[in-house]
Structure formats: structure tokens, C-alpha cells
Amino acid sequence: MPQARIERIALTTRPALLTRIGRALTEAMARRRDRQSLARLDQHLLRDIGLAQEDAATEAAKRFWQA
């Protein structure tokens, strides 16, 4: 494979990789924020959204990278 072709492939795949990494970080941070908010809800609000307190605690205890 010619050198110019190799360089072109490397340059075109790098932005896609950075985009995927950025998207994954954004999603992980959103999960973290959502779980923190869930942990702050009281019993009444949890009942309104149909969650038991134990289920909310289990979800809130997950790490940000866990889906």
C-alpha cells in the first residue's frame, strides 16, 4: 500500500475515533448525573415515577461506566 494511502487512512479514522470517545464520555457523565439525581429523590417522588426505594438505591449505586 502506498505511503500516501496509509496516511490518508490514519487521518480519516482519527476524527471518528475521537467522536466515539467524546460520545462515550458524554453518555457516561449523563448517567452519573442522572444517578446522582435519582439518589436525591424522596419516597414520594420515587413512587410517582414507579420505582421502589431499593431499586433506586441499586441504580444510584452503579458506577458511571455501567449501563
PDB file of N, CA and C in Angstrom:
ATOM      1  N   MET A   1       0.853  -1.178   0.000  1.00  0.00           N
ATOM      2  CA  MET A   1       0.000   0.000   0.000  1.00  0.00           C
ATOM      3  C   MET A   1       0.900   1.243   0.000  1.00  0.00           C
ATOM      4  N   PRO A   2       0.653   2.201  -0.884  1.00  0.00           N
ATOM      5  CA  PRO A   2       1.480   3.404  -0.938  1.00  0.00           C
ATOM      6  C   PRO A   2       1.396   4.205   0.369  1.00  0.00           C
ATOM      7  N   GLN A   3       2.469   4.914   0.677  1.00  0.00           N
ATOM      8  CA  GLN A   3       2.547   5.693   1.920  1.00  0.00           C
ATOM      9  C   GLN A   3       1.444   6.741   2.004  1.00  0.00           C
ATOM     10  N   ALA A   4       1.139   7.420   0.901  1.00  0.00           N
ATOM     11  CA  ALA A   4       0.094   8.439   0.914  1.00  0.00           C
ATOM     12  C   ALA A   4      -1.253   7.833   1.297  1.00  0.00           C
ATOM     13  N   ARG A   5      -1.533   6.647   0.854  1.00  0.00           N
ATOM     14  CA  ARG A   5      -2.788   5.963   1.168  1.00  0.00           C
ATOM     15  C   ARG A   5      -2.861   5.650   2.669  1.00  0.00           C
ATOM     16  N   ILE A   6      -1.752   5.193   3.243  1.00  0.00           N
ATOM     17  CA  ILE A   6      -1.707   4.883   4.667  1.00  0.00           C
ATOM     18  C   ILE A   6      -1.950   6.141   5.490  1.00  0.00           C
ATOM     19  N   GLU A   7      -1.311   7.243   5.153  1.00  0.00           N
ATOM     20  CA  GLU A   7      -1.504   8.498   5.882  1.00  0.00           C
ATOM     21  C   GLU A   7      -2.938   8.984   5.766  1.00  0.00           C
ATOM     22  N   ARG A   8      -3.552   8.850   4.606  1.00  0.00           N
ATOM     23  CA  ARG A   8      -4.931   9.296   4.403  1.00  0.00           C
ATOM     24  C   ARG A   8      -5.886   8.469   5.266  1.00  0.00           C
ATOM     25  N   ILE A   9      -5.649   7.178   5.361  1.00  0.00           N
ATOM     26  CA  ILE A   9      -6.496   6.320   6.196  1.00  0.00           C
ATOM     27  C   ILE A   9      -6.357   6.730   7.657  1.00  0.00           C
ATOM     28  N   ALA A  10      -5.144   6.964   8.117  1.00  0.00           N
ATOM     29  CA  ALA A  10      -4.915   7.343   9.507  1.00  0.00           C
ATOM     30  C   ALA A  10      -5.598   8.669   9.827  1.00  0.00           C
ATOM     31  N   LEU A  11      -5.542   9.617   8.922  1.00  0.00           N
ATOM     32  CA  LEU A  11      -6.158  10.925   9.164  1.00  0.00           C
ATOM     33  C   LEU A  11      -7.680  10.856   9.143  1.00  0.00           C
ATOM     34  N   THR A  12      -8.246   9.961   8.354  1.00  0.00           N
ATOM     35  CA  THR A  12      -9.706   9.902   8.290  1.00  0.00           C
ATOM     36  C   THR A  12     -10.295   9.095   9.439  1.00  0.00           C
ATOM     37  N   THR A  13      -9.569   8.168  10.019  1.00  0.00           N
ATOM     38  CA  THR A  13     -10.119   7.383  11.124  1.00  0.00           C
ATOM     39  C   THR A  13      -9.952   8.081  12.465  1.00  0.00           C
ATOM     40  N   ARG A  14      -8.997   8.945  12.612  1.00  0.00           N
ATOM     41  CA  ARG A  14      -8.753   9.627  13.881  1.00  0.00           C
ATOM     42  C   ARG A  14      -9.951  10.464  14.327  1.00  0.00           C
ATOM     43  N   PRO A  15     -10.558  11.293  13.484  1.00  0.00           N
ATOM     44  CA  PRO A  15     -11.721  12.058  13.944  1.00  0.00           C
ATOM     45  C   PRO A  15     -12.892  11.164  14.360  1.00  0.00           C
ATOM     46  N   ALA A  16     -13.093  10.073  13.666  1.00  0.00           N
ATOM     47  CA  ALA A  16     -14.180   9.171  14.025  1.00  0.00           C
ATOM     48  C   ALA A  16     -13.935   8.563  15.405  1.00  0.00           C
ATOM     49  N   LEU A  17     -12.711   8.206  15.681  1.00  0.00           N
ATOM     50  CA  LEU A  17     -12.366   7.647  16.983  1.00  0.00           C
ATOM     51  C   LEU A  17     -12.582   8.682  18.079  1.00  0.00           C
ATOM     52  N   LEU A  18     -12.125   9.900  17.847  1.00  0.00           N
ATOM     53  CA  LEU A  18     -12.320  10.966  18.837  1.00  0.00           C
ATOM     54  C   LEU A  18     -13.795  11.258  19.051  1.00  0.00           C
ATOM     55  N   THR A  19     -14.580  11.185  18.005  1.00  0.00           N
ATOM     56  CA  THR A  19     -16.018  11.395  18.125  1.00  0.00           C
ATOM     57  C   THR A  19     -16.644  10.312  18.987  1.00  0.00           C
ATOM     58  N   ARG A  20     -16.256   9.069  18.765  1.00  0.00           N
ATOM     59  CA  ARG A  20     -16.801   7.960  19.564  1.00  0.00           C
ATOM     60  C   ARG A  20     -16.386   8.077  21.028  1.00  0.00           C
ATOM     61  N   ILE A  21     -15.149   8.463  21.280  1.00  0.00           N
ATOM     62  CA  ILE A  21     -14.681   8.638  22.655  1.00  0.00           C
ATOM     63  C   ILE A  21     -15.449   9.775  23.327  1.00  0.00           C
ATOM     64  N   GLY A  22     -15.605  10.872  22.615  1.00  0.00           N
ATOM     65  CA  GLY A  22     -16.350  12.009  23.154  1.00  0.00           C
ATOM     66  C   GLY A  22     -17.789  11.651  23.458  1.00  0.00           C
ATOM     67  N   ARG A  23     -18.415  10.910  22.563  1.00  0.00           N
ATOM     68  CA  ARG A  23     -19.802  10.485  22.765  1.00  0.00           C
ATOM     69  C   ARG A  23     -19.914   9.554  23.974  1.00  0.00           C
ATOM     70  N   ALA A  24     -18.963   8.643  24.123  1.00  0.00           N
ATOM     71  CA  ALA A  24     -18.976   7.716  25.253  1.00  0.00           C
ATOM     72  C   ALA A  24     -18.789   8.461  26.577  1.00  0.00           C
ATOM     73  N   LEU A  25     -17.904   9.447  26.597  1.00  0.00           N
ATOM     74  CA  LEU A  25     -17.713  10.243  27.808  1.00  0.00           C
ATOM     75  C   LEU A  25     -18.961  11.054  28.147  1.00  0.00           C
ATOM     76  N   THR A  26     -19.587  11.621  27.134  1.00  0.00           N
ATOM     77  CA  THR A  26     -20.805  12.393  27.353  1.00  0.00           C
ATOM     78  C   THR A  26     -21.908  11.519  27.929  1.00  0.00           C
ATOM     79  N   GLU A  27     -22.062  10.322  27.391  1.00  0.00           N
ATOM     80  CA  GLU A  27     -23.087   9.406  27.890  1.00  0.00           C
ATOM     81  C   GLU A  27     -22.782   8.958  29.314  1.00  0.00           C
ATOM     82  N   ALA A  28     -21.518   8.686  29.617  1.00  0.00           N
ATOM     83  CA  ALA A  28     -21.140   8.259  30.965  1.00  0.00           C
ATOM     84  C   ALA A  28     -21.398   9.371  31.978  1.00  0.00           C
ATOM     85  N   MET A  29     -21.086  10.601  31.603  1.00  0.00           N
ATOM     86  CA  MET A  29     -21.329  11.727  32.508  1.00  0.00           C
ATOM     87  C   MET A  29     -22.827  11.956  32.714  1.00  0.00           C
ATOM     88  N   ALA A  30     -23.618  11.744  31.675  1.00  0.00           N
ATOM     89  CA  ALA A  30     -25.072  11.883  31.808  1.00  0.00           C
ATOM     90  C   ALA A  30     -25.632  10.805  32.733  1.00  0.00           C
ATOM     91  N   ARG A  31     -25.127   9.565  32.613  1.00  0.00           N
ATOM     92  CA  ARG A  31     -25.562   8.500  33.526  1.00  0.00           C
ATOM     93  C   ARG A  31     -25.214   8.847  34.963  1.00  0.00           C
ATOM     94  N   ARG A  32     -24.018   9.371  35.179  1.00  0.00           N
ATOM     95  CA  ARG A  32     -23.587   9.755  36.529  1.00  0.00           C
ATOM     96  C   ARG A  32     -24.505  10.837  37.094  1.00  0.00           C
ATOM     97  N   ARG A  33     -24.790  11.844  36.301  1.00  0.00           N
ATOM     98  CA  ARG A  33     -25.656  12.940  36.738  1.00  0.00           C
ATOM     99  C   ARG A  33     -27.063  12.435  37.036  1.00  0.00           C
ATOM    100  N   ASP A  34     -27.587  11.575  36.169  1.00  0.00           N
ATOM    101  CA  ASP A  34     -28.930  11.034  36.369  1.00  0.00           C
ATOM    102  C   ASP A  34     -29.007  10.184  37.633  1.00  0.00           C
ATOM    103  N   ARG A  35     -27.976   9.391  37.879  1.00  0.00           N
ATOM    104  CA  ARG A  35     -27.972   8.542  39.075  1.00  0.00           C
ATOM    105  C   ARG A  35     -27.838   9.363  40.345  1.00  0.00           C
ATOM    106  N   GLN A  36     -27.082  10.439  40.291  1.00  0.00           N
ATOM    107  CA  GLN A  36     -26.995  11.324  41.449  1.00  0.00           C
ATOM    108  C   GLN A  36     -28.347  11.966  41.732  1.00  0.00           C
ATOM    109  N   SER A  37     -29.034  12.384  40.682  1.00  0.00           N
ATOM    110  CA  SER A  37     -30.372  12.969  40.848  1.00  0.00           C
ATOM    111  C   SER A  37     -31.347  11.941  41.397  1.00  0.00           C
ATOM    112  N   LEU A  38     -31.276  10.736  40.913  1.00  0.00           N
ATOM    113  CA  LEU A  38     -32.146   9.665  41.387  1.00  0.00           C
ATOM    114  C   LEU A  38     -31.917   9.401  42.876  1.00  0.00           C
ATOM    115  N   ALA A  39     -30.679   9.446  43.297  1.00  0.00           N
ATOM    116  CA  ALA A  39     -30.352   9.200  44.702  1.00  0.00           C
ATOM    117  C   ALA A  39     -30.939  10.271  45.621  1.00  0.00           C
ATOM    118  N   ARG A  40     -31.173  11.471  45.098  1.00  0.00           N
ATOM    119  CA  ARG A  40     -31.705  12.563  45.913  1.00  0.00           C
ATOM    120  C   ARG A  40     -33.234  12.581  46.001  1.00  0.00           C
ATOM    121  N   LEU A  41     -33.911  11.750  45.206  1.00  0.00           N
ATOM    122  CA  LEU A  41     -35.372  11.751  45.220  1.00  0.00           C
ATOM    123  C   LEU A  41     -35.902  11.119  46.499  1.00  0.00           C
ATOM    124  N   ASP A  42     -36.979  11.699  47.030  1.00  0.00           N
ATOM    125  CA  ASP A  42     -37.577  11.116  48.228  1.00  0.00           C
ATOM    126  C   ASP A  42     -38.592  10.035  47.856  1.00  0.00           C
ATOM    127  N   GLN A  43     -39.124   9.373  48.868  1.00  0.00           N
ATOM    128  CA  GLN A  43     -40.035   8.246  48.680  1.00  0.00           C
ATOM    129  C   GLN A  43     -41.248   8.628  47.827  1.00  0.00           C
ATOM    130  N   HIS A  44     -41.804   9.795  48.074  1.00  0.00           N
ATOM    131  CA  HIS A  44     -42.995  10.252  47.350  1.00  0.00           C
ATOM    132  C   HIS A  44     -42.709  10.401  45.858  1.00  0.00           C
ATOM    133  N   LEU A  45     -41.600  11.024  45.519  1.00  0.00           N
ATOM    134  CA  LEU A  45     -41.252  11.223  44.108  1.00  0.00           C
ATOM    135  C   LEU A  45     -40.906   9.903  43.424  1.00  0.00           C
ATOM    136  N   LEU A  46     -40.234   9.017  44.145  1.00  0.00           N
ATOM    137  CA  LEU A  46     -39.931   7.703  43.574  1.00  0.00           C
ATOM    138  C   LEU A  46     -41.219   6.945  43.270  1.00  0.00           C
ATOM    139  N   ARG A  47     -42.183   7.026  44.157  1.00  0.00           N
ATOM    140  CA  ARG A  47     -43.464   6.352  43.936  1.00  0.00           C
ATOM    141  C   ARG A  47     -44.162   6.944  42.704  1.00  0.00           C
ATOM    142  N   ASP A  48     -44.034   8.259  42.512  1.00  0.00           N
ATOM    143  CA  ASP A  48     -44.647   8.911  41.346  1.00  0.00           C
ATOM    144  C   ASP A  48     -44.077   8.390  40.022  1.00  0.00           C
ATOM    145  N   ILE A  49     -42.806   8.045  40.012  1.00  0.00           N
ATOM    146  CA  ILE A  49     -42.211   7.541  38.764  1.00  0.00           C
ATOM    147  C   ILE A  49     -42.190   6.018  38.717  1.00  0.00           C
ATOM    148  N   GLY A  50     -42.783   5.385  39.722  1.00  0.00           N
ATOM    149  CA  GLY A  50     -42.949   3.937  39.700  1.00  0.00           C
ATOM    150  C   GLY A  50     -41.734   3.141  40.116  1.00  0.00           C
ATOM    151  N   LEU A  51     -40.899   3.707  40.976  1.00  0.00           N
ATOM    152  CA  LEU A  51     -39.714   2.998  41.447  1.00  0.00           C
ATOM    153  C   LEU A  51     -39.781   2.766  42.951  1.00  0.00           C
ATOM    154  N   ALA A  52     -39.345   1.602  43.363  1.00  0.00           N
ATOM    155  CA  ALA A  52     -39.192   1.333  44.786  1.00  0.00           C
ATOM    156  C   ALA A  52     -37.881   1.964  45.247  1.00  0.00           C
ATOM    157  N   GLN A  53     -37.818   2.280  46.521  1.00  0.00           N
ATOM    158  CA  GLN A  53     -36.622   2.907  47.048  1.00  0.00           C
ATOM    159  C   GLN A  53     -35.395   2.000  46.892  1.00  0.00           C
ATOM    160  N   GLU A  54     -35.585   0.697  47.030  1.00  0.00           N
ATOM    161  CA  GLU A  54     -34.486  -0.249  46.884  1.00  0.00           C
ATOM    162  C   GLU A  54     -33.963  -0.271  45.442  1.00  0.00           C
ATOM    163  N   ASP A  55     -34.887  -0.218  44.475  1.00  0.00           N
ATOM    164  CA  ASP A  55     -34.483  -0.193  43.064  1.00  0.00           C
ATOM    165  C   ASP A  55     -33.707   1.075  42.735  1.00  0.00           C
ATOM    166  N   ALA A  56     -34.174   2.197  43.268  1.00  0.00           N
ATOM    167  CA  ALA A  56     -33.489   3.467  43.032  1.00  0.00           C
ATOM    168  C   ALA A  56     -32.098   3.448  43.661  1.00  0.00           C
ATOM    169  N   ALA A  57     -31.991   2.881  44.858  1.00  0.00           N
ATOM    170  CA  ALA A  57     -30.690   2.805  45.532  1.00  0.00           C
ATOM    171  C   ALA A  57     -29.729   1.906  44.756  1.00  0.00           C
ATOM    172  N   THR A  58     -30.240   0.803  44.237  1.00  0.00           N
ATOM    173  CA  THR A  58     -29.401  -0.105  43.440  1.00  0.00           C
ATOM    174  C   THR A  58     -28.887   0.595  42.190  1.00  0.00           C
ATOM    175  N   GLU A  59     -29.763   1.300  41.500  1.00  0.00           N
ATOM    176  CA  GLU A  59     -29.366   2.018  40.282  1.00  0.00           C
ATOM    177  C   GLU A  59     -28.387   3.143  40.611  1.00  0.00           C
ATOM    178  N   ALA A  60     -28.648   3.884  41.679  1.00  0.00           N
ATOM    179  CA  ALA A  60     -27.787   5.005  42.052  1.00  0.00           C
ATOM    180  C   ALA A  60     -26.401   4.537  42.476  1.00  0.00           C
ATOM    181  N   ALA A  61     -26.284   3.300  42.967  1.00  0.00           N
ATOM    182  CA  ALA A  61     -25.001   2.785  43.430  1.00  0.00           C
ATOM    183  C   ALA A  61     -24.097   2.316  42.294  1.00  0.00           C
ATOM    184  N   LYS A  62     -24.639   2.193  41.082  1.00  0.00           N
ATOM    185  CA  LYS A  62     -23.821   1.744  39.956  1.00  0.00           C
ATOM    186  C   LYS A  62     -22.777   2.787  39.600  1.00  0.00           C
ATOM    187  N   ARG A  63     -21.658   2.323  39.075  1.00  0.00           N
ATOM    188  CA  ARG A  63     -20.596   3.219  38.612  1.00  0.00           C
ATOM    189  C   ARG A  63     -20.997   3.871  37.302  1.00  0.00           C
ATOM    190  N   PHE A  64     -20.389   5.003  36.991  1.00  0.00           N
ATOM    191  CA  PHE A  64     -20.785   5.766  35.809  1.00  0.00           C
ATOM    192  C   PHE A  64     -20.586   5.004  34.505  1.00  0.00           C
ATOM    193  N   TRP A  65     -19.663   4.055  34.486  1.00  0.00           N
ATOM    194  CA  TRP A  65     -19.402   3.332  33.245  1.00  0.00           C
ATOM    195  C   TRP A  65     -20.348   2.155  33.046  1.00  0.00           C
ATOM    196  N   GLN A  66     -21.122   1.810  34.058  1.00  0.00           N
ATOM    197  CA  GLN A  66     -22.056   0.693  33.949  1.00  0.00           C
ATOM    198  C   GLN A  66     -23.349   1.169  33.305  1.00  0.00           C
ATOM    199  N   ALA A  67     -23.791   0.445  32.311  1.00  0.00           N
ATOM    200  CA  ALA A  67     -25.037   0.818  31.623  1.00  0.00           C
ATOM    201  C   ALA A  67     -26.235   0.330  32.392  1.00  0.00           C
TER     202      ALA A  67
END
